[in-house]
Protein backbone atom coordinates (compact mmCIF):
# COMPACT_ATOMS: atom_id res chain seq x y z
CA MET A 1 8.76 -4.90 -7.88
CA SER A 2 7.76 -1.18 -9.02
CA GLY A 3 9.42 0.59 -11.84
CA LEU A 4 9.46 3.61 -9.65
CA SER A 5 12.11 1.95 -7.29
CA GLU A 6 14.55 1.74 -10.11
CA LYS A 7 14.34 5.55 -10.62
CA THR A 8 16.25 8.19 -8.79
CA CYS A 9 14.86 11.16 -6.89
CA ILE A 10 15.10 14.67 -8.72
CA PRO A 11 15.65 17.56 -6.39
CA CYS A 12 12.77 19.93 -6.69
CA ARG A 13 13.91 23.60 -7.17
CA GLY A 14 10.42 24.93 -6.71
CA GLY A 15 8.38 26.60 -9.34
CA VAL A 16 6.60 23.64 -10.35
CA PRO A 17 2.89 22.68 -9.40
CA PRO A 18 2.35 19.73 -7.25
CA LEU A 19 0.70 16.62 -8.94
CA THR A 20 -2.88 16.62 -9.43
CA ALA A 21 -5.15 13.85 -8.12
CA GLU A 22 -5.21 12.47 -11.75
CA GLU A 23 -1.57 12.48 -12.10
CA ILE A 24 -1.21 10.87 -8.62
CA GLN A 25 -3.61 7.80 -9.30
CA PRO A 26 -0.93 5.69 -11.37
CA LEU A 27 1.86 6.35 -9.29
CA ALA A 28 -0.12 5.55 -6.15
CA ALA A 29 -1.17 2.11 -7.70
CA GLU A 30 2.53 1.43 -7.85
CA VAL A 31 2.97 1.93 -3.96
CA LYS A 32 -0.09 0.25 -2.57
CA GLU A 33 1.13 0.05 0.88
CA TRP A 34 1.11 4.06 1.18
CA SER A 35 -1.87 6.29 1.66
CA VAL A 36 -2.10 9.26 -0.34
CA VAL A 37 -3.50 12.06 2.19
CA ASP A 38 -5.43 15.00 0.61
CA THR A 39 -3.33 14.94 -2.48
CA HIS A 40 -0.60 16.45 -0.23
CA HIS A 41 1.63 13.64 1.15
CA LEU A 42 2.12 9.88 1.38
CA GLU A 43 1.84 8.17 4.70
CA ARG A 44 2.80 4.62 5.86
CA THR A 45 3.18 2.99 9.12
CA VAL A 46 5.45 -0.26 9.42
CA LYS A 47 5.17 -2.45 12.17
CA PHE A 48 8.02 -4.46 13.95
CA SER A 49 8.28 -7.12 16.77
CA ASP A 50 10.53 -4.60 19.02
CA PHE A 51 12.09 -1.26 19.33
CA LYS A 52 15.55 -2.27 17.99
CA THR A 53 14.18 -3.63 14.87
CA ALA A 54 12.12 -0.46 14.25
CA LEU A 55 15.17 1.65 14.90
CA ASP A 56 17.37 -0.19 12.39
CA PHE A 57 14.59 0.31 9.69
CA THR A 58 14.52 3.96 10.77
CA ASN A 59 18.30 4.04 10.10
CA LYS A 60 18.08 2.36 6.66
CA VAL A 61 15.25 4.70 5.79
CA GLY A 62 17.53 7.70 6.74
CA ALA A 63 20.34 6.44 4.85
CA LEU A 64 18.39 5.78 1.73
CA SER A 65 16.85 9.40 2.26
CA GLU A 66 20.58 10.84 2.31
CA GLN A 67 21.55 8.87 -0.63
CA GLN A 68 18.43 10.08 -2.65
CA GLY A 69 18.65 13.79 -1.52
CA HIS A 70 15.11 13.26 -0.38
CA HIS A 71 14.06 13.51 3.05
CA PRO A 72 10.76 12.22 4.71
CA ASP A 73 9.45 12.89 8.30
CA ILE A 74 10.18 9.66 10.23
CA TYR A 75 8.27 8.89 13.45
CA LEU A 76 10.01 6.11 15.61
CA ALA A 77 8.03 4.34 18.44
CA TRP A 78 8.15 0.90 20.08
CA GLY A 79 7.34 -1.68 17.38
CA LYS A 80 6.47 0.80 14.69
CA VAL A 81 7.90 3.41 12.22
CA GLY A 82 5.66 6.22 10.71
CA ILE A 83 6.83 7.72 7.47
CA LYS A 84 5.45 10.95 5.75
CA ILE A 85 6.71 12.09 2.42
CA TRP A 86 6.12 15.07 0.27
CA THR A 87 8.11 17.74 -1.38
CA HIS A 88 8.45 20.70 1.06
CA LYS A 89 9.60 23.27 -1.45
CA ILE A 90 6.00 22.98 -3.38
CA ASN A 91 4.09 21.95 -0.38
CA GLY A 92 2.57 18.80 -2.29
CA LEU A 93 3.50 15.62 -4.17
CA THR A 94 6.09 15.00 -6.92
CA GLU A 95 7.15 11.95 -8.61
CA SER A 96 10.09 11.77 -6.48
CA ASP A 97 7.84 11.26 -3.49
CA PHE A 98 6.67 8.20 -4.98
CA ILE A 99 10.08 7.03 -6.00
CA LEU A 100 11.33 7.35 -2.36
CA ALA A 101 8.10 5.40 -1.25
CA ALA A 102 8.94 2.49 -3.73
CA LYS A 103 12.53 2.52 -2.60
CA ILE A 104 11.45 2.16 1.05
CA ASP A 105 9.21 -0.59 0.21
CA ARG A 106 12.33 -2.63 -1.02
CA LEU A 107 14.21 -2.18 2.33
């Protein structure tokens, strides 16, 4: 499993630049199920066989997000959950975004 999933998200206080494309590359390689969109956010859709299972997964992502203090946008639909992660305070990506993605992959 990814070393990122063993780390803890660090709250961003702002005042730091978002990661560059070069800085994103090695982190993205550790969360292969995720797409990096315009060097701005991470995106993934997870498919399920029914609504209840998708809802259960959504609740697990929510609990993990609360525990990490890092909150993605979560879109629940029948049989799928879409997730977008970025650091709102800097309107871009930080290492914590990749840490959360790796932790979600372990759910």
